């Protein structure tokens, strides 16, 4: 009878230890799920905050400069500086205008 009592006690002890280990695993899994949910909530809140943040207006675009106008302005600067003679300026201007 002593062997039966010892065997039963060992079986009950093992069963209790198994239940306790399973409970600890469940608790750890639950805590991990909660941590994952907290991380998801934080990420969603950050996305909402970013979406709600006022957007700075874009810098105004520089006015489009016509390449012919830019070339004529450059030629005029060279002519005014004395780098181009009147004849050279007239010829370059006619070429730029496609004349």
PDB file of N, CA and C in Angstrom:
ATOM      1  N   UNK A   1       0.816  -1.179   0.000  1.00  0.00           N
ATOM      2  CA  UNK A   1       0.000   0.000   0.000  1.00  0.00           C
ATOM      3  C   UNK A   1       0.864   1.249   0.000  1.00  0.00           C
ATOM      4  N   UNK A   2       1.981   1.206   0.600  1.00  0.00           N
ATOM      5  CA  UNK A   2       2.858   2.365   0.625  1.00  0.00           C
ATOM      6  C   UNK A   2       3.303   2.735  -0.779  1.00  0.00           C
ATOM      7  N   UNK A   3       3.582   1.755  -1.601  1.00  0.00           N
ATOM      8  CA  UNK A   3       4.001   2.017  -2.976  1.00  0.00           C
ATOM      9  C   UNK A   3       2.887   2.681  -3.753  1.00  0.00           C
ATOM     10  N   UNK A   4       1.656   2.270  -3.517  1.00  0.00           N
ATOM     11  CA  UNK A   4       0.516   2.857  -4.214  1.00  0.00           C
ATOM     12  C   UNK A   4       0.337   4.301  -3.807  1.00  0.00           C
ATOM     13  N   UNK A   5       0.519   4.614  -2.556  1.00  0.00           N
ATOM     14  CA  UNK A   5       0.389   5.994  -2.064  1.00  0.00           C
ATOM     15  C   UNK A   5       1.502   6.853  -2.641  1.00  0.00           C
ATOM     16  N   UNK A   6       2.717   6.341  -2.667  1.00  0.00           N
ATOM     17  CA  UNK A   6       3.848   7.103  -3.199  1.00  0.00           C
ATOM     18  C   UNK A   6       3.652   7.340  -4.687  1.00  0.00           C
ATOM     19  N   UNK A   7       3.212   6.297  -5.409  1.00  0.00           N
ATOM     20  CA  UNK A   7       2.979   6.440  -6.845  1.00  0.00           C
ATOM     21  C   UNK A   7       1.885   7.445  -7.136  1.00  0.00           C
ATOM     22  N   UNK A   8       0.824   7.395  -6.342  1.00  0.00           N
ATOM     23  CA  UNK A   8      -0.276   8.341  -6.527  1.00  0.00           C
ATOM     24  C   UNK A   8       0.182   9.751  -6.204  1.00  0.00           C
ATOM     25  N   UNK A   9       0.941   9.908  -5.153  1.00  0.00           N
ATOM     26  CA  UNK A   9       1.442  11.236  -4.773  1.00  0.00           C
ATOM     27  C   UNK A   9       2.367  11.786  -5.853  1.00  0.00           C
ATOM     28  N   UNK A  10       3.198  10.935  -6.424  1.00  0.00           N
ATOM     29  CA  UNK A  10       4.099  11.380  -7.489  1.00  0.00           C
ATOM     30  C   UNK A  10       3.302  11.782  -8.718  1.00  0.00           C
ATOM     31  N   UNK A  11       2.273  11.024  -9.022  1.00  0.00           N
ATOM     32  CA  UNK A  11       1.425  11.318 -10.179  1.00  0.00           C
ATOM     33  C   UNK A  11       0.685  12.636  -9.986  1.00  0.00           C
ATOM     34  N   UNK A  12       0.175  12.833  -8.796  1.00  0.00           N
ATOM     35  CA  UNK A  12      -0.527  14.075  -8.487  1.00  0.00           C
ATOM     36  C   UNK A  12       0.447  15.248  -8.532  1.00  0.00           C
ATOM     37  N   UNK A  13       1.647  15.059  -8.019  1.00  0.00           N
ATOM     38  CA  UNK A  13       2.657  16.124  -8.039  1.00  0.00           C
ATOM     39  C   UNK A  13       3.042  16.490  -9.462  1.00  0.00           C
ATOM     40  N   UNK A  14       3.216  15.479 -10.319  1.00  0.00           N
ATOM     41  CA  UNK A  14       3.563  15.738 -11.720  1.00  0.00           C
ATOM     42  C   UNK A  14       2.417  16.438 -12.427  1.00  0.00           C
ATOM     43  N   UNK A  15       1.201  15.987 -12.166  1.00  0.00           N
ATOM     44  CA  UNK A  15       0.024  16.599 -12.778  1.00  0.00           C
ATOM     45  C   UNK A  15      -0.087  18.068 -12.371  1.00  0.00           C
ATOM     46  N   UNK A  16       0.137  18.340 -11.119  1.00  0.00           N
ATOM     47  CA  UNK A  16       0.084  19.714 -10.617  1.00  0.00           C
ATOM     48  C   UNK A  16       1.182  20.566 -11.263  1.00  0.00           C
ATOM     49  N   UNK A  17       2.380  19.997 -11.389  1.00  0.00           N
ATOM     50  CA  UNK A  17       3.485  20.727 -12.006  1.00  0.00           C
ATOM     51  C   UNK A  17       3.173  21.017 -13.473  1.00  0.00           C
ATOM     52  N   UNK A  18       2.567  20.060 -14.164  1.00  0.00           N
ATOM     53  CA  UNK A  18       2.201  20.261 -15.567  1.00  0.00           C
ATOM     54  C   UNK A  18       1.153  21.354 -15.719  1.00  0.00           C
ATOM     55  N   UNK A  19       0.169  21.337 -14.818  1.00  0.00           N
ATOM     56  CA  UNK A  19      -0.873  22.361 -14.864  1.00  0.00           C
ATOM     57  C   UNK A  19      -0.280  23.743 -14.587  1.00  0.00           C
ATOM     58  N   UNK A  20       0.635  23.791 -13.638  1.00  0.00           N
ATOM     59  CA  UNK A  20       1.262  25.056 -13.285  1.00  0.00           C
ATOM     60  C   UNK A  20       2.103  25.577 -14.455  1.00  0.00           C
ATOM     61  N   UNK A  21       2.830  24.708 -15.121  1.00  0.00           N
ATOM     62  CA  UNK A  21       3.637  25.105 -16.276  1.00  0.00           C
ATOM     63  C   UNK A  21       2.744  25.591 -17.410  1.00  0.00           C
ATOM     64  N   UNK A  22       1.626  24.910 -17.632  1.00  0.00           N
ATOM     65  CA  UNK A  22       0.693  25.322 -18.681  1.00  0.00           C
ATOM     66  C   UNK A  22       0.089  26.682 -18.358  1.00  0.00           C
ATOM     67  N   UNK A  23      -0.217  26.912 -17.094  1.00  0.00           N
ATOM     68  CA  UNK A  23      -0.773  28.202 -16.682  1.00  0.00           C
ATOM     69  C   UNK A  23       0.244  29.317 -16.903  1.00  0.00           C
ATOM     70  N   UNK A  24       1.506  29.036 -16.606  1.00  0.00           N
ATOM     71  CA  UNK A  24       2.552  30.040 -16.816  1.00  0.00           C
ATOM     72  C   UNK A  24       2.730  30.341 -18.307  1.00  0.00           C
ATOM     73  N   UNK A  25       2.653  29.290 -19.136  1.00  0.00           N
ATOM     74  CA  UNK A  25       2.770  29.498 -20.577  1.00  0.00           C
ATOM     75  C   UNK A  25       1.605  30.331 -21.099  1.00  0.00           C
ATOM     76  N   UNK A  26       0.417  30.031 -20.605  1.00  0.00           N
ATOM     77  CA  UNK A  26      -0.760  30.800 -21.017  1.00  0.00           C
ATOM     78  C   UNK A  26      -0.623  32.257 -20.600  1.00  0.00           C
ATOM     79  N   UNK A  27      -0.127  32.480 -19.385  1.00  0.00           N
ATOM     80  CA  UNK A  27       0.052  33.843 -18.897  1.00  0.00           C
ATOM     81  C   UNK A  27       1.081  34.581 -19.751  1.00  0.00           C
ATOM     82  N   UNK A  28       2.157  33.910 -20.098  1.00  0.00           N
ATOM     83  CA  UNK A  28       3.185  34.534 -20.937  1.00  0.00           C
ATOM     84  C   UNK A  28       2.635  34.842 -22.320  1.00  0.00           C
ATOM     85  N   UNK A  29       1.852  33.937 -22.883  1.00  0.00           N
ATOM     86  CA  UNK A  29       1.258  34.160 -24.208  1.00  0.00           C
ATOM     87  C   UNK A  29       0.279  35.328 -24.164  1.00  0.00           C
ATOM     88  N   UNK A  30      -0.485  35.407 -23.100  1.00  0.00           N
ATOM     89  CA  UNK A  30      -1.438  36.510 -22.951  1.00  0.00           C
ATOM     90  C   UNK A  30      -0.706  37.838 -22.832  1.00  0.00           C
ATOM     91  N   UNK A  31       0.366  37.864 -22.066  1.00  0.00           N
ATOM     92  CA  UNK A  31       1.139  39.096 -21.930  1.00  0.00           C
ATOM     93  C   UNK A  31       1.764  39.502 -23.263  1.00  0.00           C
ATOM     94  N   UNK A  32       2.208  38.531 -24.047  1.00  0.00           N
ATOM     95  CA  UNK A  32       2.793  38.836 -25.351  1.00  0.00           C
ATOM     96  C   UNK A  32       1.724  39.407 -26.284  1.00  0.00           C
ATOM     97  N   UNK A  33       0.518  38.838 -26.232  1.00  0.00           N
ATOM     98  CA  UNK A  33      -0.577  39.360 -27.048  1.00  0.00           C
ATOM     99  C   UNK A  33      -0.910  40.797 -26.666  1.00  0.00           C
ATOM    100  N   UNK A  34      -0.928  41.072 -25.375  1.00  0.00           N
ATOM    101  CA  UNK A  34      -1.199  42.433 -24.914  1.00  0.00           C
ATOM    102  C   UNK A  34      -0.116  43.400 -25.368  1.00  0.00           C
ATOM    103  N   UNK A  35       1.135  42.957 -25.300  1.00  0.00           N
ATOM    104  CA  UNK A  35       2.240  43.812 -25.743  1.00  0.00           C
ATOM    105  C   UNK A  35       2.136  44.082 -27.244  1.00  0.00           C
ATOM    106  N   UNK A  36       1.774  43.040 -28.019  1.00  0.00           N
ATOM    107  CA  UNK A  36       1.596  43.219 -29.465  1.00  0.00           C
ATOM    108  C   UNK A  36       0.459  44.191 -29.760  1.00  0.00           C
ATOM    109  N   UNK A  37      -0.634  44.071 -29.023  1.00  0.00           N
ATOM    110  CA  UNK A  37      -1.760  44.977 -29.225  1.00  0.00           C
ATOM    111  C   UNK A  37      -1.377  46.410 -28.874  1.00  0.00           C
ATOM    112  N   UNK A  38      -0.632  46.580 -27.788  1.00  0.00           N
ATOM    113  CA  UNK A  38      -0.176  47.922 -27.408  1.00  0.00           C
ATOM    114  C   UNK A  38       0.700  48.524 -28.505  1.00  0.00           C
ATOM    115  N   UNK A  39       1.561  47.706 -29.101  1.00  0.00           N
ATOM    116  CA  UNK A  39       2.425  48.192 -30.180  1.00  0.00           C
ATOM    117  C   UNK A  39       1.604  48.581 -31.400  1.00  0.00           C
ATOM    118  N   UNK A  40       0.584  47.789 -31.708  1.00  0.00           N
ATOM    119  CA  UNK A  40      -0.281  48.115 -32.844  1.00  0.00           C
ATOM    120  C   UNK A  40      -1.056  49.404 -32.590  1.00  0.00           C
ATOM    121  N   UNK A  41      -1.531  49.567 -31.390  1.00  0.00           N
ATOM    122  CA  UNK A  41      -2.266  50.789 -31.036  1.00  0.00           C
ATOM    123  C   UNK A  41      -1.348  51.995 -31.153  1.00  0.00           C
ATOM    124  N   UNK A  42      -0.141  51.875 -30.657  1.00  0.00           N
ATOM    125  CA  UNK A  42       0.814  52.990 -30.742  1.00  0.00           C
ATOM    126  C   UNK A  42       1.119  53.325 -32.193  1.00  0.00           C
ATOM    127  N   UNK A  43       1.274  52.304 -33.028  1.00  0.00           N
ATOM    128  CA  UNK A  43       1.561  52.550 -34.445  1.00  0.00           C
ATOM    129  C   UNK A  43       0.385  53.251 -35.121  1.00  0.00           C
ATOM    130  N   UNK A  44      -0.830  52.817 -34.812  1.00  0.00           N
ATOM    131  CA  UNK A  44      -2.011  53.455 -35.398  1.00  0.00           C
ATOM    132  C   UNK A  44      -2.156  54.901 -34.924  1.00  0.00           C
ATOM    133  N   UNK A  45      -1.869  55.139 -33.661  1.00  0.00           N
ATOM    134  CA  UNK A  45      -1.949  56.505 -33.143  1.00  0.00           C
ATOM    135  C   UNK A  45      -0.916  57.398 -33.819  1.00  0.00           C
ATOM    136  N   UNK A  46       0.266  56.851 -34.068  1.00  0.00           N
ATOM    137  CA  UNK A  46       1.306  57.629 -34.750  1.00  0.00           C
ATOM    138  C   UNK A  46       0.877  57.945 -36.179  1.00  0.00           C
ATOM    139  N   UNK A  47       0.247  56.973 -36.845  1.00  0.00           N
ATOM    140  CA  UNK A  47      -0.232  57.211 -38.211  1.00  0.00           C
ATOM    141  C   UNK A  47      -1.312  58.287 -38.216  1.00  0.00           C
ATOM    142  N   UNK A  48      -2.222  58.221 -37.256  1.00  0.00           N
ATOM    143  CA  UNK A  48      -3.284  59.218 -37.187  1.00  0.00           C
ATOM    144  C   UNK A  48      -2.710  60.602 -36.904  1.00  0.00           C
ATOM    145  N   UNK A  49      -1.726  60.671 -36.032  1.00  0.00           N
ATOM    146  CA  UNK A  49      -1.117  61.958 -35.710  1.00  0.00           C
ATOM    147  C   UNK A  49      -0.414  62.526 -36.934  1.00  0.00           C
ATOM    148  N   UNK A  50       0.257  61.662 -37.680  1.00  0.00           N
ATOM    149  CA  UNK A  50       0.956  62.124 -38.880  1.00  0.00           C
ATOM    150  C   UNK A  50      -0.043  62.589 -39.933  1.00  0.00           C
ATOM    151  N   UNK A  51      -1.154  61.897 -40.046  1.00  0.00           N
ATOM    152  CA  UNK A  51      -2.171  62.275 -41.035  1.00  0.00           C
ATOM    153  C   UNK A  51      -2.854  63.576 -40.645  1.00  0.00           C
ATOM    154  N   UNK A  52      -2.984  63.815 -39.352  1.00  0.00           N
ATOM    155  CA  UNK A  52      -3.673  65.010 -38.879  1.00  0.00           C
ATOM    156  C   UNK A  52      -2.755  66.226 -38.813  1.00  0.00           C
ATOM    157  N   UNK A  53      -1.456  66.007 -38.885  1.00  0.00           N
ATOM    158  CA  UNK A  53      -0.506  67.119 -38.791  1.00  0.00           C
ATOM    159  C   UNK A  53      -0.685  68.047 -39.985  1.00  0.00           C
ATOM    160  N   UNK A  54      -0.649  69.344 -39.735  1.00  0.00           N
ATOM    161  CA  UNK A  54      -0.791  70.272 -40.858  1.00  0.00           C
ATOM    162  C   UNK A  54       0.389  70.129 -41.822  1.00  0.00           C
ATOM    163  N   UNK A  55       0.063  70.191 -43.070  1.00  0.00           N
ATOM    164  CA  UNK A  55       1.087  70.063 -44.101  1.00  0.00           C
ATOM    165  C   UNK A  55       1.565  71.463 -44.466  1.00  0.00           C
ATOM    166  N   UNK A  56       2.852  71.649 -44.432  1.00  0.00           N
ATOM    167  CA  UNK A  56       3.418  72.950 -44.796  1.00  0.00           C
ATOM    168  C   UNK A  56       3.169  73.188 -46.278  1.00  0.00           C
ATOM    169  N   UNK A  57       2.787  74.387 -46.635  1.00  0.00           N
ATOM    170  CA  UNK A  57       2.551  74.657 -48.055  1.00  0.00           C
ATOM    171  C   UNK A  57       3.856  74.530 -48.834  1.00  0.00           C
ATOM    172  N   UNK A  58       3.721  74.046 -50.023  1.00  0.00           N
ATOM    173  CA  UNK A  58       4.895  73.875 -50.873  1.00  0.00           C
ATOM    174  C   UNK A  58       5.427  75.246 -51.279  1.00  0.00           C
ATOM    175  N   UNK A  59       6.706  75.298 -51.447  1.00  0.00           N
ATOM    176  CA  UNK A  59       7.319  76.548 -51.889  1.00  0.00           C
ATOM    177  C   UNK A  59       6.801  76.867 -53.282  1.00  0.00           C
ATOM    178  N   UNK A  60       6.547  78.120 -53.545  1.00  0.00           N
ATOM    179  CA  UNK A  60       6.040  78.459 -54.875  1.00  0.00           C
ATOM    180  C   UNK A  60       7.064  78.079 -55.941  1.00  0.00           C
ATOM    181  N   UNK A  61       6.543  77.554 -57.008  1.00  0.00           N
ATOM    182  CA  UNK A  61       7.430  77.134 -58.093  1.00  0.00           C
ATOM    183  C   UNK A  61       8.027  78.362 -58.760  1.00  0.00           C
ATOM    184  N   UNK A  62       9.259  78.219 -59.159  1.00  0.00           N
ATOM    185  CA  UNK A  62       9.908  79.320 -59.866  1.00  0.00           C
ATOM    186  C   UNK A  62       9.206  79.496 -61.204  1.00  0.00           C
ATOM    187  N   UNK A  63       9.025  80.717 -61.610  1.00  0.00           N
ATOM    188  CA  UNK A  63       8.352  80.920 -62.889  1.00  0.00           C
ATOM    189  C   UNK A  63       9.151  80.275 -64.014  1.00  0.00           C
ATOM    190  N   UNK A  64       8.440  79.690 -64.948  1.00  0.00           N
ATOM    191  CA  UNK A  64       9.103  79.035 -66.063  1.00  0.00           C
ATOM    192  C   UNK A  64       9.792  80.087 -66.921  1.00  0.00           C
ATOM    193  N   UNK A  65      11.024  79.814 -67.241  1.00  0.00           N
ATOM    194  CA  UNK A  65      11.794  80.751 -68.065  1.00  0.00           C
ATOM    195  C   UNK A  65      11.938  80.149 -69.445  1.00  0.00           C
ATOM    196  N   UNK A  66      11.521  80.911 -70.419  1.00  0.00           N
ATOM    197  CA  UNK A  66      11.644  80.479 -71.799  1.00  0.00           C
ATOM    198  C   UNK A  66      13.136  80.446 -72.160  1.00  0.00           C
ATOM    199  N   UNK A  67      13.610  79.353 -72.761  1.00  0.00           N
ATOM    200  CA  UNK A  67      15.035  79.268 -73.087  1.00  0.00           C
ATOM    201  C   UNK A  67      15.499  80.371 -74.039  1.00  0.00           C
ATOM    202  N   UNK A  68      14.625  80.779 -74.945  1.00  0.00           N
ATOM    203  CA  UNK A  68      15.001  81.848 -75.882  1.00  0.00           C
ATOM    204  C   UNK A  68      15.159  83.158 -75.123  1.00  0.00           C
ATOM    205  N   UNK A  69      14.241  83.413 -74.201  1.00  0.00           N
ATOM    206  CA  UNK A  69      14.332  84.635 -73.400  1.00  0.00           C
ATOM    207  C   UNK A  69      15.606  84.639 -72.571  1.00  0.00           C
ATOM    208  N   UNK A  70      15.933  83.503 -71.984  1.00  0.00           N
ATOM    209  CA  UNK A  70      17.158  83.406 -71.191  1.00  0.00           C
ATOM    210  C   UNK A  70      18.386  83.649 -72.056  1.00  0.00           C
ATOM    211  N   UNK A  71      18.374  83.095 -73.267  1.00  0.00           N
ATOM    212  CA  UNK A  71      19.523  83.290 -74.162  1.00  0.00           C
ATOM    213  C   UNK A  71      19.640  84.751 -74.589  1.00  0.00           C
ATOM    214  N   UNK A  72      18.511  85.393 -74.886  1.00  0.00           N
ATOM    215  CA  UNK A  72      18.540  86.807 -75.275  1.00  0.00           C
ATOM    216  C   UNK A  72      19.021  87.685 -74.122  1.00  0.00           C
ATOM    217  N   UNK A  73      18.595  87.344 -72.905  1.00  0.00           N
ATOM    218  CA  UNK A  73      19.051  88.101 -71.735  1.00  0.00           C
ATOM    219  C   UNK A  73      20.559  87.961 -71.562  1.00  0.00           C
ATOM    220  N   UNK A  74      21.060  86.757 -71.760  1.00  0.00           N
ATOM    221  CA  UNK A  74      22.495  86.515 -71.647  1.00  0.00           C
ATOM    222  C   UNK A  74      23.255  87.285 -72.736  1.00  0.00           C
ATOM    223  N   UNK A  75      22.735  87.257 -73.952  1.00  0.00           N
ATOM    224  CA  UNK A  75      23.390  87.997 -75.050  1.00  0.00           C
ATOM    225  C   UNK A  75      23.400  89.496 -74.767  1.00  0.00           C
ATOM    226  N   UNK A  76      22.290  90.005 -74.222  1.00  0.00           N
ATOM    227  CA  UNK A  76      22.218  91.432 -73.898  1.00  0.00           C
ATOM    228  C   UNK A  76      23.247  91.795 -72.836  1.00  0.00           C
ATOM    229  N   UNK A  77      23.434  90.897 -71.855  1.00  0.00           N
ATOM    230  CA  UNK A  77      24.439  91.149 -70.809  1.00  0.00           C
ATOM    231  C   UNK A  77      25.838  91.191 -71.413  1.00  0.00           C
ATOM    232  N   UNK A  78      26.120  90.254 -72.311  1.00  0.00           N
ATOM    233  CA  UNK A  78      27.442  90.225 -72.959  1.00  0.00           C
ATOM    234  C   UNK A  78      27.658  91.472 -73.821  1.00  0.00           C
ATOM    235  N   UNK A  79      26.594  91.909 -74.507  1.00  0.00           N
ATOM    236  CA  UNK A  79      26.696  93.112 -75.338  1.00  0.00           C
ATOM    237  C   UNK A  79      26.915  94.343 -74.467  1.00  0.00           C
ATOM    238  N   UNK A  80      26.172  94.428 -73.352  1.00  0.00           N
ATOM    239  CA  UNK A  80      26.306  95.579 -72.457  1.00  0.00           C
ATOM    240  C   UNK A  80      27.693  95.619 -71.824  1.00  0.00           C
ATOM    241  N   UNK A  81      28.289  94.447 -71.595  1.00  0.00           N
ATOM    242  CA  UNK A  81      29.614  94.390 -70.984  1.00  0.00           C
ATOM    243  C   UNK A  81      30.715  94.660 -72.003  1.00  0.00           C
ATOM    244  N   UNK A  82      30.349  94.774 -73.279  1.00  0.00           N
ATOM    245  CA  UNK A  82      31.342  95.044 -74.302  1.00  0.00           C
ATOM    246  C   UNK A  82      32.020  93.796 -74.837  1.00  0.00           C
ATOM    247  N   UNK A  83      31.553  92.647 -74.453  1.00  0.00           N
ATOM    248  CA  UNK A  83      32.149  91.401 -74.918  1.00  0.00           C
ATOM    249  C   UNK A  83      31.703  91.109 -76.348  1.00  0.00           C
ATOM    250  N   UNK A  84      30.445  91.460 -76.678  1.00  0.00           N
ATOM    251  CA  UNK A  84      29.937  91.293 -78.039  1.00  0.00           C
ATOM    252  C   UNK A  84      29.820  92.669 -78.698  1.00  0.00           C
ATOM    253  N   UNK A  85      30.254  92.744 -79.948  1.00  0.00           N
ATOM    254  CA  UNK A  85      30.074  93.988 -80.702  1.00  0.00           C
ATOM    255  C   UNK A  85      28.614  94.070 -81.140  1.00  0.00           C
ATOM    256  N   UNK A  86      28.236  95.214 -81.703  1.00  0.00           N
ATOM    257  CA  UNK A  86      26.866  95.385 -82.179  1.00  0.00           C
ATOM    258  C   UNK A  86      26.531  94.339 -83.239  1.00  0.00           C
ATOM    259  N   UNK A  87      27.481  94.090 -84.141  1.00  0.00           N
ATOM    260  CA  UNK A  87      27.249  93.122 -85.220  1.00  0.00           C
ATOM    261  C   UNK A  87      27.116  91.696 -84.653  1.00  0.00           C
ATOM    262  N   UNK A  88      27.998  91.342 -83.716  1.00  0.00           N
ATOM    263  CA  UNK A  88      27.952  90.010 -83.104  1.00  0.00           C
ATOM    264  C   UNK A  88      26.641  89.812 -82.327  1.00  0.00           C
ATOM    265  N   UNK A  89      26.233  90.863 -81.619  1.00  0.00           N
ATOM    266  CA  UNK A  89      24.995  90.784 -80.859  1.00  0.00           C
ATOM    267  C   UNK A  89      23.801  90.595 -81.792  1.00  0.00           C
ATOM    268  N   UNK A  90      23.762  91.380 -82.876  1.00  0.00           N
ATOM    269  CA  UNK A  90      22.656  91.286 -83.835  1.00  0.00           C
ATOM    270  C   UNK A  90      22.605  89.901 -84.473  1.00  0.00           C
ATOM    271  N   UNK A  91      23.772  89.362 -84.842  1.00  0.00           N
ATOM    272  CA  UNK A  91      23.803  88.041 -85.464  1.00  0.00           C
ATOM    273  C   UNK A  91      23.365  86.957 -84.468  1.00  0.00           C
ATOM    274  N   UNK A  92      23.831  87.025 -83.231  1.00  0.00           N
ATOM    275  CA  UNK A  92      23.473  86.032 -82.227  1.00  0.00           C
ATOM    276  C   UNK A  92      22.003  86.132 -81.877  1.00  0.00           C
ATOM    277  N   UNK A  93      21.493  87.358 -81.830  1.00  0.00           N
ATOM    278  CA  UNK A  93      20.079  87.539 -81.531  1.00  0.00           C
ATOM    279  C   UNK A  93      19.210  86.965 -82.643  1.00  0.00           C
ATOM    280  N   UNK A  94      19.570  87.215 -83.900  1.00  0.00           N
ATOM    281  CA  UNK A  94      18.826  86.675 -85.029  1.00  0.00           C
ATOM    282  C   UNK A  94      18.849  85.149 -85.015  1.00  0.00           C
ATOM    283  N   UNK A  95      19.987  84.578 -84.678  1.00  0.00           N
ATOM    284  CA  UNK A  95      20.124  83.114 -84.612  1.00  0.00           C
ATOM    285  C   UNK A  95      19.232  82.558 -83.490  1.00  0.00           C
ATOM    286  N   UNK A  96      19.236  83.215 -82.333  1.00  0.00           N
ATOM    287  CA  UNK A  96      18.424  82.758 -81.206  1.00  0.00           C
ATOM    288  C   UNK A  96      16.937  82.830 -81.518  1.00  0.00           C
ATOM    289  N   UNK A  97      16.548  83.836 -82.279  1.00  0.00           N
ATOM    290  CA  UNK A  97      15.143  83.995 -82.632  1.00  0.00           C
ATOM    291  C   UNK A  97      14.758  83.156 -83.834  1.00  0.00           C
ATOM    292  N   UNK A  98      15.726  82.486 -84.450  1.00  0.00           N
ATOM    293  CA  UNK A  98      15.434  81.647 -85.598  1.00  0.00           C
ATOM    294  C   UNK A  98      15.197  82.444 -86.865  1.00  0.00           C
ATOM    295  N   UNK A  99      15.776  83.604 -86.965  1.00  0.00           N
ATOM    296  CA  UNK A  99      15.606  84.455 -88.139  1.00  0.00           C
ATOM    297  C   UNK A  99      16.733  84.262 -89.126  1.00  0.00           C
TER     298      UNK A  99
END
